[in-house]
Structure formats: structure tokens, C-alpha cells
């Protein structure tokens, strides 16, 4: 299996989903994008999300728009934390001030770079209650291209469980 291309189910505890969404809404109240990460482990064709990681990040506003930046030392720290815990990143989740789409910046500076990994974009700084249907979900192809998933396919892939 190349990366996570063979993963056909992601088990996501509701608490992790809600905590990540809440963080994005809180930073959005300051008109900043935010970034959260889902980490866990693969078990056959299933990936089990066990941790929500909220990296140290800086919100940036410019004439071109807004973004969140994670510096190199923080990325190294996360990498070491994942290595020590024997966990991997399956998804990055971040917010946009308006519509949910994968921008050129999102493509170029992705944190999750494993084939089959996910990038979820939350519209309107996550002001509405958590609902995966509102997220734009992308999966990294074998060719290294972020490809938008149809909501029906997202619903089949990501299973939200209590906990």
C-alpha cells in the first residue's frame, strides 16, 4: 500500500472532531485561520484517529488574505512527538474566512504529505456547528495532487464514533 491510499475507513471520535472545530472557531473570532491535525494509526485498511494536535501557530493577515503559519521547530517537535508515540498524521484541518476550498497556498504548504492523506477546509471560520458536509475535503493522490472528494465519498470514508 502506498501511504494511505488503501485506507477506506477513518474512525474519528466525535470529541476530537468537536474539539478541533471549536479551536478553529475560537481563532476565527480573531479573524485568523487556524490549523489542527488528526493523528493515529493504521490497522489494515482502517485508520483510527487517537489524537487531535493543535500546533503552535501564528495567524497572518496581509493584503492577499489570511493564513496560519507553523514554524520549523514546531513541525520538528510534532514529528518527534508522533514518532515517540508511534502515530502518524492522517489529516490537516484548517479554516477559511469565507468559502471552503483548497487554495494554492494550501497545496504548496500542506503539513500532511503522505499519499492518501486528507486536508479538510472549514468555511466561515467554523462559525456554524460541526458538520462534515460543510467541510471541503481533499485527498492527496498518488500523483501528489489534492483532489476534492464528493460529500458522499467523505461520508463513506470518515466514520464519526462516540468518544
N, C-alpha and C. Protein backbone atom coordinates (compact mmCIF):
# COMPACT_ATOMS: atom_id res chain seq x y z
N UNK A 1 0.85 -1.17 0.00
CA UNK A 1 0.00 0.00 0.00
C UNK A 1 0.90 1.24 0.00
N UNK A 2 0.61 2.16 -0.88
CA UNK A 2 1.36 3.41 -0.95
C UNK A 2 0.71 4.42 -0.01
N UNK A 3 1.45 4.76 1.06
CA UNK A 3 0.92 5.73 2.01
C UNK A 3 -0.41 5.25 2.57
N UNK A 4 -1.40 6.14 2.50
CA UNK A 4 -2.74 5.82 2.99
C UNK A 4 -3.75 5.65 1.86
N UNK A 5 -3.26 5.39 0.65
CA UNK A 5 -4.19 5.23 -0.47
C UNK A 5 -5.12 4.03 -0.28
N UNK A 6 -4.67 3.03 0.46
CA UNK A 6 -5.50 1.85 0.70
C UNK A 6 -6.45 2.00 1.88
N UNK A 7 -6.37 3.11 2.58
CA UNK A 7 -7.28 3.34 3.71
C UNK A 7 -8.68 3.63 3.16
N UNK A 8 -9.65 2.82 3.59
CA UNK A 8 -11.02 3.04 3.12
C UNK A 8 -11.98 3.40 4.25
N UNK A 9 -11.42 3.55 5.47
CA UNK A 9 -12.25 3.96 6.61
C UNK A 9 -11.36 4.72 7.59
N UNK A 10 -11.85 5.88 8.02
CA UNK A 10 -11.18 6.66 9.06
C UNK A 10 -12.15 6.75 10.22
N UNK A 11 -11.74 6.21 11.35
CA UNK A 11 -12.57 6.23 12.55
C UNK A 11 -12.20 7.49 13.34
N UNK A 12 -13.17 8.38 13.50
CA UNK A 12 -12.93 9.69 14.12
C UNK A 12 -13.83 9.85 15.35
N UNK A 13 -13.24 9.90 16.55
CA UNK A 13 -14.06 10.16 17.74
C UNK A 13 -14.70 11.55 17.66
N UNK A 14 -15.97 11.62 17.99
CA UNK A 14 -16.72 12.88 17.93
C UNK A 14 -16.03 13.98 18.76
N UNK A 15 -15.49 13.63 19.92
CA UNK A 15 -14.83 14.63 20.77
C UNK A 15 -13.65 15.27 20.04
N UNK A 16 -12.87 14.50 19.31
CA UNK A 16 -11.74 15.05 18.56
C UNK A 16 -12.25 15.99 17.47
N UNK A 17 -13.31 15.57 16.77
CA UNK A 17 -13.88 16.42 15.71
C UNK A 17 -14.39 17.73 16.30
N UNK A 18 -15.13 17.64 17.41
CA UNK A 18 -15.71 18.85 18.03
C UNK A 18 -14.64 19.76 18.62
N UNK A 19 -13.63 19.18 19.26
CA UNK A 19 -12.55 20.00 19.84
C UNK A 19 -11.78 20.74 18.75
N UNK A 20 -11.52 20.08 17.64
CA UNK A 20 -10.83 20.74 16.53
C UNK A 20 -11.66 21.87 15.95
N UNK A 21 -12.94 21.61 15.75
CA UNK A 21 -13.85 22.63 15.20
C UNK A 21 -13.93 23.83 16.14
N UNK A 22 -14.01 23.55 17.44
CA UNK A 22 -14.09 24.62 18.45
C UNK A 22 -12.82 25.49 18.39
N UNK A 23 -11.66 24.87 18.27
CA UNK A 23 -10.42 25.64 18.18
C UNK A 23 -10.45 26.55 16.95
N UNK A 24 -10.89 26.03 15.80
CA UNK A 24 -10.93 26.84 14.58
C UNK A 24 -11.90 28.01 14.73
N UNK A 25 -13.02 27.79 15.41
CA UNK A 25 -13.98 28.87 15.65
C UNK A 25 -13.37 29.94 16.56
N UNK A 26 -12.65 29.51 17.60
CA UNK A 26 -12.05 30.48 18.53
C UNK A 26 -11.02 31.37 17.85
N UNK A 27 -10.14 30.79 17.05
CA UNK A 27 -9.15 31.64 16.36
C UNK A 27 -9.83 32.47 15.28
N UNK A 28 -10.91 31.95 14.70
CA UNK A 28 -11.67 32.70 13.70
C UNK A 28 -12.32 33.94 14.27
N UNK A 29 -12.65 33.91 15.56
CA UNK A 29 -13.22 35.09 16.21
C UNK A 29 -12.23 36.25 16.21
N UNK A 30 -10.94 35.95 16.07
CA UNK A 30 -9.91 36.98 15.96
C UNK A 30 -9.53 37.23 14.49
N UNK A 31 -10.40 36.77 13.59
CA UNK A 31 -10.19 36.86 12.14
C UNK A 31 -8.85 36.25 11.72
N UNK A 32 -8.61 35.04 12.25
CA UNK A 32 -7.40 34.30 11.89
C UNK A 32 -7.79 32.89 11.45
N UNK A 33 -7.04 32.38 10.49
CA UNK A 33 -7.17 30.97 10.16
C UNK A 33 -6.50 30.16 11.26
N UNK A 34 -6.93 28.94 11.40
CA UNK A 34 -6.32 28.02 12.35
C UNK A 34 -6.06 26.69 11.69
N UNK A 35 -5.17 25.92 12.29
CA UNK A 35 -4.82 24.59 11.78
C UNK A 35 -4.86 23.60 12.93
N UNK A 36 -5.48 22.45 12.67
CA UNK A 36 -5.49 21.34 13.61
C UNK A 36 -5.12 20.08 12.82
N UNK A 37 -4.66 19.07 13.54
CA UNK A 37 -4.21 17.84 12.90
C UNK A 37 -4.84 16.63 13.57
N UNK A 38 -5.17 15.61 12.77
CA UNK A 38 -5.65 14.34 13.30
C UNK A 38 -4.53 13.33 13.18
N UNK A 39 -4.21 12.66 14.27
CA UNK A 39 -3.16 11.65 14.29
C UNK A 39 -3.70 10.35 14.86
N UNK A 40 -3.06 9.26 14.48
CA UNK A 40 -3.47 7.96 14.99
C UNK A 40 -2.65 6.88 14.33
N UNK A 41 -3.31 5.75 14.06
CA UNK A 41 -2.59 4.61 13.49
C UNK A 41 -3.47 3.87 12.48
N UNK A 42 -2.79 3.24 11.54
CA UNK A 42 -3.49 2.42 10.55
C UNK A 42 -3.55 0.98 11.06
N UNK A 43 -4.70 0.38 10.81
CA UNK A 43 -4.92 -1.02 11.15
C UNK A 43 -5.56 -1.66 9.92
N UNK A 44 -4.74 -2.26 9.07
CA UNK A 44 -5.25 -2.77 7.79
C UNK A 44 -5.68 -1.61 6.92
N UNK A 45 -6.94 -1.63 6.47
CA UNK A 45 -7.45 -0.55 5.62
C UNK A 45 -8.22 0.51 6.41
N UNK A 46 -8.10 0.45 7.73
CA UNK A 46 -8.77 1.41 8.61
C UNK A 46 -7.72 2.26 9.31
N UNK A 47 -8.01 3.55 9.42
CA UNK A 47 -7.15 4.45 10.21
C UNK A 47 -7.96 4.90 11.40
N UNK A 48 -7.39 4.75 12.59
CA UNK A 48 -8.05 5.14 13.83
C UNK A 48 -7.42 6.44 14.33
N UNK A 49 -8.21 7.49 14.40
CA UNK A 49 -7.72 8.77 14.92
C UNK A 49 -7.76 8.70 16.44
N UNK A 50 -6.60 8.93 17.05
CA UNK A 50 -6.50 8.86 18.51
C UNK A 50 -6.16 10.21 19.15
N UNK A 51 -5.64 11.14 18.35
CA UNK A 51 -5.18 12.41 18.92
C UNK A 51 -5.55 13.59 18.01
N UNK A 52 -5.91 14.68 18.65
CA UNK A 52 -6.03 15.98 17.99
C UNK A 52 -4.79 16.76 18.38
N UNK A 53 -4.05 17.23 17.40
CA UNK A 53 -2.88 18.06 17.66
C UNK A 53 -3.19 19.49 17.23
N UNK A 54 -2.95 20.41 18.13
CA UNK A 54 -3.11 21.83 17.81
C UNK A 54 -1.70 22.42 17.86
N UNK A 55 -1.06 22.56 16.71
CA UNK A 55 0.31 23.07 16.73
C UNK A 55 0.36 24.54 17.14
N UNK A 56 1.51 24.94 17.70
CA UNK A 56 1.74 26.35 17.91
C UNK A 56 1.75 27.03 16.55
N UNK A 57 1.03 28.11 16.40
CA UNK A 57 0.86 28.73 15.09
C UNK A 57 0.66 30.23 15.24
N UNK A 58 0.93 30.92 14.16
CA UNK A 58 0.79 32.36 14.13
C UNK A 58 -0.18 32.73 13.01
N UNK A 59 -1.20 33.49 13.35
CA UNK A 59 -2.13 33.98 12.34
C UNK A 59 -1.51 35.17 11.62
N UNK A 60 -1.61 35.17 10.30
CA UNK A 60 -1.03 36.23 9.48
C UNK A 60 -2.14 36.87 8.66
N UNK A 61 -2.19 38.20 8.65
CA UNK A 61 -3.12 38.95 7.81
C UNK A 61 -2.31 39.84 6.89
N UNK A 62 -2.68 39.85 5.60
CA UNK A 62 -1.99 40.72 4.65
C UNK A 62 -3.00 41.17 3.60
N UNK A 63 -2.53 41.96 2.64
CA UNK A 63 -3.41 42.39 1.54
C UNK A 63 -3.91 41.21 0.73
N UNK A 64 -3.13 40.12 0.70
CA UNK A 64 -3.52 38.93 -0.07
C UNK A 64 -4.53 38.06 0.65
N UNK A 65 -4.68 38.25 1.97
CA UNK A 65 -5.63 37.44 2.72
C UNK A 65 -5.07 37.05 4.08
N UNK A 66 -5.55 35.92 4.58
CA UNK A 66 -5.13 35.43 5.89
C UNK A 66 -4.57 34.02 5.77
N UNK A 67 -3.74 33.65 6.72
CA UNK A 67 -3.24 32.28 6.78
C UNK A 67 -2.71 32.03 8.18
N UNK A 68 -2.43 30.80 8.48
CA UNK A 68 -1.80 30.41 9.74
C UNK A 68 -0.45 29.80 9.38
N UNK A 69 0.57 30.14 10.16
CA UNK A 69 1.92 29.68 9.89
C UNK A 69 2.42 28.87 11.09
N UNK A 70 3.00 27.72 10.80
CA UNK A 70 3.63 26.88 11.81
C UNK A 70 5.12 26.87 11.48
N UNK A 71 5.95 27.24 12.44
CA UNK A 71 7.37 27.35 12.14
C UNK A 71 8.07 25.99 12.18
N UNK A 72 9.28 25.96 11.65
CA UNK A 72 10.06 24.72 11.54
C UNK A 72 10.27 23.99 12.85
N UNK A 73 10.70 24.67 13.92
CA UNK A 73 10.89 23.96 15.19
C UNK A 73 9.61 23.29 15.69
N UNK A 74 8.46 23.93 15.49
CA UNK A 74 7.19 23.33 15.92
C UNK A 74 6.88 22.09 15.07
N UNK A 75 7.14 22.15 13.79
CA UNK A 75 6.93 20.98 12.93
C UNK A 75 7.85 19.83 13.36
N UNK A 76 9.09 20.14 13.69
CA UNK A 76 10.02 19.09 14.17
C UNK A 76 9.53 18.51 15.49
N UNK A 77 9.04 19.36 16.38
CA UNK A 77 8.53 18.87 17.66
C UNK A 77 7.36 17.90 17.46
N UNK A 78 6.45 18.27 16.56
CA UNK A 78 5.31 17.40 16.26
C UNK A 78 5.79 16.08 15.68
N UNK A 79 6.75 16.16 14.75
CA UNK A 79 7.29 14.93 14.15
C UNK A 79 7.89 14.01 15.20
N UNK A 80 8.63 14.56 16.15
CA UNK A 80 9.22 13.75 17.22
C UNK A 80 8.15 13.17 18.13
N UNK A 81 7.14 13.97 18.45
CA UNK A 81 6.04 13.50 19.30
C UNK A 81 5.33 12.33 18.64
N UNK A 82 5.07 12.45 17.35
CA UNK A 82 4.40 11.37 16.62
C UNK A 82 5.28 10.13 16.58
N UNK A 83 6.55 10.32 16.32
CA UNK A 83 7.49 9.19 16.25
C UNK A 83 7.53 8.44 17.58
N UNK A 84 7.67 9.18 18.68
CA UNK A 84 7.76 8.55 20.01
C UNK A 84 6.48 7.81 20.37
N UNK A 85 5.33 8.34 19.92
CA UNK A 85 4.03 7.72 20.23
C UNK A 85 3.65 6.66 19.20
N UNK A 86 4.49 6.47 18.17
CA UNK A 86 4.20 5.53 17.09
C UNK A 86 2.86 5.86 16.42
N UNK A 87 2.68 7.15 16.12
CA UNK A 87 1.47 7.64 15.47
C UNK A 87 1.84 8.36 14.18
N UNK A 88 0.85 8.52 13.31
CA UNK A 88 1.04 9.23 12.04
C UNK A 88 -0.08 10.24 11.86
N UNK A 89 0.19 11.24 11.02
CA UNK A 89 -0.85 12.21 10.66
C UNK A 89 -1.66 11.66 9.50
N UNK A 90 -2.97 11.72 9.61
CA UNK A 90 -3.85 11.35 8.50
C UNK A 90 -4.49 12.59 7.89
N UNK A 91 -4.65 13.66 8.70
CA UNK A 91 -5.40 14.81 8.18
C UNK A 91 -4.95 16.12 8.82
N UNK A 92 -5.07 17.15 8.00
CA UNK A 92 -4.93 18.53 8.47
C UNK A 92 -6.28 19.19 8.25
N UNK A 93 -6.69 19.99 9.21
CA UNK A 93 -7.96 20.69 9.14
C UNK A 93 -7.65 22.16 9.34
N UNK A 94 -8.15 23.00 8.47
CA UNK A 94 -7.94 24.43 8.67
C UNK A 94 -9.15 25.20 8.21
N UNK A 95 -9.22 26.44 8.67
CA UNK A 95 -10.39 27.27 8.39
C UNK A 95 -10.06 28.31 7.34
N UNK A 96 -11.12 28.77 6.69
CA UNK A 96 -11.05 29.90 5.75
C UNK A 96 -12.07 30.95 6.21
N UNK A 97 -11.84 32.21 5.88
CA UNK A 97 -12.79 33.26 6.31
C UNK A 97 -14.11 33.20 5.55
N UNK A 98 -14.11 32.64 4.36
CA UNK A 98 -15.35 32.56 3.56
C UNK A 98 -15.54 31.11 3.12
N UNK A 99 -15.57 30.87 1.82
CA UNK A 99 -15.87 29.53 1.32
C UNK A 99 -14.74 28.54 1.60
N UNK A 100 -15.10 27.26 1.58
CA UNK A 100 -14.15 26.18 1.81
C UNK A 100 -13.64 25.66 0.46
N UNK A 101 -12.35 25.81 0.24
CA UNK A 101 -11.70 25.29 -0.97
C UNK A 101 -10.21 25.17 -0.67
N UNK A 102 -9.51 24.43 -1.49
CA UNK A 102 -8.06 24.25 -1.30
C UNK A 102 -7.35 25.29 -2.16
N UNK A 103 -6.74 26.25 -1.50
CA UNK A 103 -6.04 27.32 -2.21
C UNK A 103 -4.67 26.84 -2.70
N UNK A 104 -4.03 27.64 -3.54
CA UNK A 104 -2.67 27.34 -3.98
C UNK A 104 -1.74 27.25 -2.78
N UNK A 105 -1.92 28.12 -1.80
CA UNK A 105 -1.10 28.08 -0.58
C UNK A 105 -1.32 26.78 0.16
N UNK A 106 -2.59 26.33 0.23
CA UNK A 106 -2.90 25.06 0.89
C UNK A 106 -2.19 23.90 0.20
N UNK A 107 -2.18 23.94 -1.14
CA UNK A 107 -1.50 22.90 -1.90
C UNK A 107 0.00 22.91 -1.64
N UNK A 108 0.57 24.09 -1.67
CA UNK A 108 2.02 24.25 -1.62
C UNK A 108 2.61 24.01 -0.23
N UNK A 109 1.87 24.35 0.82
CA UNK A 109 2.43 24.28 2.16
C UNK A 109 1.69 23.29 3.06
N UNK A 110 1.21 22.21 2.48
CA UNK A 110 0.50 21.19 3.26
C UNK A 110 1.42 20.58 4.32
N UNK A 111 0.85 20.27 5.44
CA UNK A 111 1.59 19.57 6.50
C UNK A 111 1.50 18.06 6.26
N UNK A 112 0.31 17.60 5.93
CA UNK A 112 0.12 16.19 5.60
C UNK A 112 0.58 16.00 4.16
N UNK A 113 1.59 15.16 3.97
CA UNK A 113 2.15 14.98 2.63
C UNK A 113 2.16 13.52 2.20
N UNK A 114 1.54 12.64 2.96
CA UNK A 114 1.50 11.23 2.62
C UNK A 114 0.37 10.97 1.62
N UNK A 115 0.64 10.17 0.61
CA UNK A 115 -0.40 9.84 -0.37
C UNK A 115 -1.60 9.23 0.36
N UNK A 116 -2.79 9.68 0.00
CA UNK A 116 -4.00 9.21 0.66
C UNK A 116 -4.36 10.02 1.89
N UNK A 117 -3.47 10.95 2.29
CA UNK A 117 -3.77 11.82 3.42
C UNK A 117 -4.89 12.78 3.08
N UNK A 118 -5.44 13.41 4.10
CA UNK A 118 -6.61 14.27 3.93
C UNK A 118 -6.32 15.71 4.33
N UNK A 119 -6.99 16.62 3.65
CA UNK A 119 -6.96 18.03 4.00
C UNK A 119 -8.40 18.51 3.99
N UNK A 120 -8.87 18.97 5.14
CA UNK A 120 -10.24 19.43 5.27
C UNK A 120 -10.23 20.93 5.50
N UNK A 121 -11.10 21.63 4.78
CA UNK A 121 -11.17 23.08 4.88
C UNK A 121 -12.57 23.46 5.39
N UNK A 122 -12.58 24.25 6.45
CA UNK A 122 -13.82 24.64 7.11
C UNK A 122 -14.17 26.06 6.69
N UNK A 123 -15.40 26.29 6.19
CA UNK A 123 -15.76 27.65 5.76
C UNK A 123 -16.09 28.57 6.93
N UNK A 124 -16.06 29.87 6.65
CA UNK A 124 -16.58 30.91 7.54
C UNK A 124 -16.01 30.83 8.96
N UNK A 125 -14.72 30.52 9.06
CA UNK A 125 -14.05 30.44 10.36
C UNK A 125 -14.80 29.54 11.35
N UNK A 126 -15.47 28.51 10.83
CA UNK A 126 -16.14 27.49 11.66
C UNK A 126 -17.21 28.08 12.59
N UNK A 127 -17.93 29.10 12.12
CA UNK A 127 -18.93 29.74 12.97
C UNK A 127 -20.16 28.85 13.20
N UNK A 128 -20.46 27.96 12.26
CA UNK A 128 -21.62 27.09 12.42
C UNK A 128 -21.23 25.81 13.17
N UNK A 129 -22.19 25.09 13.72
CA UNK A 129 -21.88 23.84 14.41
C UNK A 129 -21.17 22.86 13.48
N UNK A 130 -20.38 21.97 14.09
CA UNK A 130 -19.63 20.97 13.33
C UNK A 130 -20.55 20.15 12.44
N UNK A 131 -20.20 20.05 11.16
CA UNK A 131 -20.90 19.21 10.20
C UNK A 131 -19.94 18.95 9.05
N UNK A 132 -19.49 17.70 8.92
CA UNK A 132 -18.53 17.36 7.86
C UNK A 132 -19.03 17.72 6.47
N UNK A 133 -20.35 17.77 6.29
CA UNK A 133 -20.92 18.10 4.98
C UNK A 133 -20.50 19.51 4.55
N UNK A 134 -20.31 20.40 5.52
CA UNK A 134 -19.92 21.78 5.20
C UNK A 134 -18.43 21.90 4.86
N UNK A 135 -17.64 20.93 5.28
CA UNK A 135 -16.21 20.97 5.02
C UNK A 135 -15.94 20.60 3.56
N UNK A 136 -14.92 21.20 2.98
CA UNK A 136 -14.42 20.73 1.69
C UNK A 136 -13.29 19.75 2.03
N UNK A 137 -13.39 18.54 1.54
CA UNK A 137 -12.42 17.50 1.88
C UNK A 137 -11.64 17.09 0.64
N UNK A 138 -10.33 17.07 0.79
CA UNK A 138 -9.42 16.73 -0.31
C UNK A 138 -8.55 15.56 0.13
N UNK A 139 -8.17 14.75 -0.87
CA UNK A 139 -7.28 13.61 -0.61
C UNK A 139 -6.09 13.70 -1.55
N UNK A 140 -4.91 13.43 -1.02
CA UNK A 140 -3.69 13.52 -1.81
C UNK A 140 -3.53 12.28 -2.68
N UNK A 141 -3.52 12.50 -3.99
CA UNK A 141 -3.44 11.39 -4.94
C UNK A 141 -2.02 10.85 -5.05
N UNK A 142 -1.89 9.75 -5.74
CA UNK A 142 -0.59 9.14 -5.99
C UNK A 142 0.32 10.09 -6.77
N UNK A 143 -0.29 10.97 -7.54
CA UNK A 143 0.47 11.96 -8.33
C UNK A 143 0.82 13.20 -7.52
N UNK A 144 0.43 13.22 -6.25
CA UNK A 144 0.72 14.36 -5.40
C UNK A 144 -0.21 15.54 -5.61
N UNK A 145 -1.43 15.27 -6.08
CA UNK A 145 -2.41 16.32 -6.34
C UNK A 145 -3.56 16.20 -5.33
N UNK A 146 -3.89 17.33 -4.71
CA UNK A 146 -5.03 17.35 -3.79
C UNK A 146 -6.31 17.33 -4.61
N UNK A 147 -7.10 16.28 -4.44
CA UNK A 147 -8.32 16.07 -5.22
C UNK A 147 -9.53 16.15 -4.30
N UNK A 148 -10.49 17.02 -4.67
CA UNK A 148 -11.67 17.17 -3.84
C UNK A 148 -12.52 15.91 -3.87
N UNK A 149 -13.00 15.53 -2.70
CA UNK A 149 -13.86 14.35 -2.57
C UNK A 149 -15.32 14.78 -2.57
N UNK A 150 -16.16 13.95 -3.16
CA UNK A 150 -17.60 14.18 -3.12
C UNK A 150 -18.09 13.92 -1.69
N UNK A 151 -19.04 14.72 -1.18
CA UNK A 151 -19.54 14.52 0.19
C UNK A 151 -20.00 13.08 0.46
N UNK A 152 -20.56 12.42 -0.53
CA UNK A 152 -21.00 11.02 -0.37
C UNK A 152 -19.79 10.13 -0.07
N UNK A 153 -18.65 10.39 -0.74
CA UNK A 153 -17.44 9.59 -0.51
C UNK A 153 -16.81 9.92 0.84
N UNK A 154 -16.92 11.18 1.26
CA UNK A 154 -16.41 11.57 2.58
C UNK A 154 -17.21 10.83 3.65
N UNK A 155 -18.53 10.77 3.49
CA UNK A 155 -19.39 10.09 4.46
C UNK A 155 -19.05 8.60 4.56
N UNK A 156 -18.66 8.00 3.44
CA UNK A 156 -18.25 6.58 3.46
C UNK A 156 -16.88 6.41 4.10
N UNK A 157 -16.01 7.38 3.91
CA UNK A 157 -14.63 7.26 4.40
C UNK A 157 -14.52 7.57 5.89
N UNK A 158 -15.11 8.69 6.34
CA UNK A 158 -14.95 9.13 7.72
C UNK A 158 -16.16 8.72 8.55
N UNK A 159 -15.91 7.85 9.51
CA UNK A 159 -16.98 7.39 10.41
C UNK A 159 -16.78 8.04 11.78
N UNK A 160 -17.74 8.84 12.18
CA UNK A 160 -17.66 9.51 13.47
C UNK A 160 -18.27 8.60 14.52
N UNK A 161 -17.49 8.36 15.56
CA UNK A 161 -17.92 7.46 16.63
C UNK A 161 -17.95 8.22 17.95
N UNK A 162 -18.73 7.74 18.89
CA UNK A 162 -18.78 8.40 20.20
C UNK A 162 -17.43 8.23 20.89
N UNK A 163 -17.11 9.20 21.67
CA UNK A 163 -15.84 9.13 22.40
C UNK A 163 -15.00 10.34 22.18
